[in-house]
Amino acid sequence: MKKWVDKIFAADPERGDTGERDLWAGKVAYELGDLSKAREYLDIANMKSRGRCFGVKDGKYLKFLKAK
């Protein structure tokens, strides 16, 4: 999964950036136990999307982010 995180940011750079890539990277970092990196990615995702990219299934990640 970590290899895909690097690839997702390089893939299709012309595509609009609404925080989905950062959310995905944050989830991967969180699940791998890299909480510092997870918080960084999730914070960027939240900023770019103004919170809209977090869905119902993303509750634990949003809770983690808000527990700063």
Protein backbone atom coordinates (compact mmCIF):
# COMPACT_ATOMS: atom_id res chain seq x y z
CA MET A 1 0.00 0.00 0.00
CA LYS A 2 2.83 2.37 0.80
CA LYS A 3 4.12 2.08 -2.79
CA TRP A 4 0.71 3.06 -4.11
CA VAL A 5 0.65 6.21 -2.00
CA ASP A 6 3.60 7.60 -3.96
CA LYS A 7 2.01 6.57 -7.25
CA ILE A 8 -1.38 8.10 -6.51
CA PHE A 9 0.14 11.57 -6.19
CA ALA A 10 2.00 11.20 -9.50
CA ALA A 11 -0.97 9.76 -11.40
CA ASP A 12 -2.98 12.12 -13.58
CA PRO A 13 -1.61 15.47 -12.34
CA GLU A 14 -4.16 17.32 -14.51
CA ARG A 15 -7.03 15.93 -12.42
CA GLY A 16 -8.59 18.31 -9.93
CA ASP A 17 -7.27 17.95 -6.41
CA THR A 18 -10.12 17.82 -3.91
CA GLY A 19 -8.29 16.00 -1.13
CA GLU A 20 -9.27 12.45 -2.11
CA ARG A 21 -5.67 11.43 -2.68
CA ASP A 22 -4.59 12.87 0.65
CA LEU A 23 -7.47 11.12 2.41
CA TRP A 24 -6.45 7.80 0.87
CA ALA A 25 -2.79 8.36 1.83
CA GLY A 26 -3.86 9.32 5.35
CA LYS A 27 -5.89 6.15 5.73
CA VAL A 28 -2.93 4.03 4.62
CA ALA A 29 -0.55 5.81 7.00
CA TYR A 30 -3.04 5.44 9.86
CA GLU A 31 -3.51 1.73 9.29
CA LEU A 32 0.26 1.21 9.08
CA GLY A 33 0.69 2.98 12.42
CA ASP A 34 2.41 6.11 11.09
CA LEU A 35 0.12 8.46 12.99
CA SER A 36 2.22 11.57 12.41
CA LYS A 37 2.07 11.12 8.64
CA ALA A 38 -1.61 10.14 8.86
CA ARG A 39 -2.46 13.36 10.66
CA GLU A 40 -0.53 15.37 8.07
CA TYR A 41 -2.35 13.78 5.12
CA LEU A 42 -5.77 13.87 6.79
CA ASP A 43 -5.33 17.53 7.71
CA ILE A 44 -4.50 18.37 4.09
CA ALA A 45 -7.50 16.34 2.87
CA ASN A 46 -9.77 18.15 5.32
CA MET A 47 -8.44 21.53 4.25
CA LYS A 48 -8.70 20.86 0.50
CA SER A 49 -12.20 19.40 0.69
CA ARG A 50 -13.44 21.54 3.58
CA GLY A 51 -14.39 18.26 5.26
CA ARG A 52 -16.48 16.99 2.37
CA CYS A 53 -14.24 14.06 1.42
CA PHE A 54 -14.85 12.33 4.76
CA GLY A 55 -17.78 9.96 4.37
CA VAL A 56 -19.67 7.80 6.84
CA LYS A 57 -17.07 5.03 6.56
CA ASP A 58 -14.29 7.49 7.41
CA GLY A 59 -15.53 8.29 10.92
CA LYS A 60 -12.54 6.87 12.76
CA TYR A 61 -10.13 8.92 10.64
CA LEU A 62 -12.08 12.13 11.18
CA LYS A 63 -12.29 11.41 14.91
CA PHE A 64 -8.51 10.85 14.98
CA LEU A 65 -7.94 14.13 13.12
CA LYS A 66 -10.18 16.14 15.44
CA ALA A 67 -8.47 14.70 18.55
CA LYS A 68 -5.45 16.99 17.99
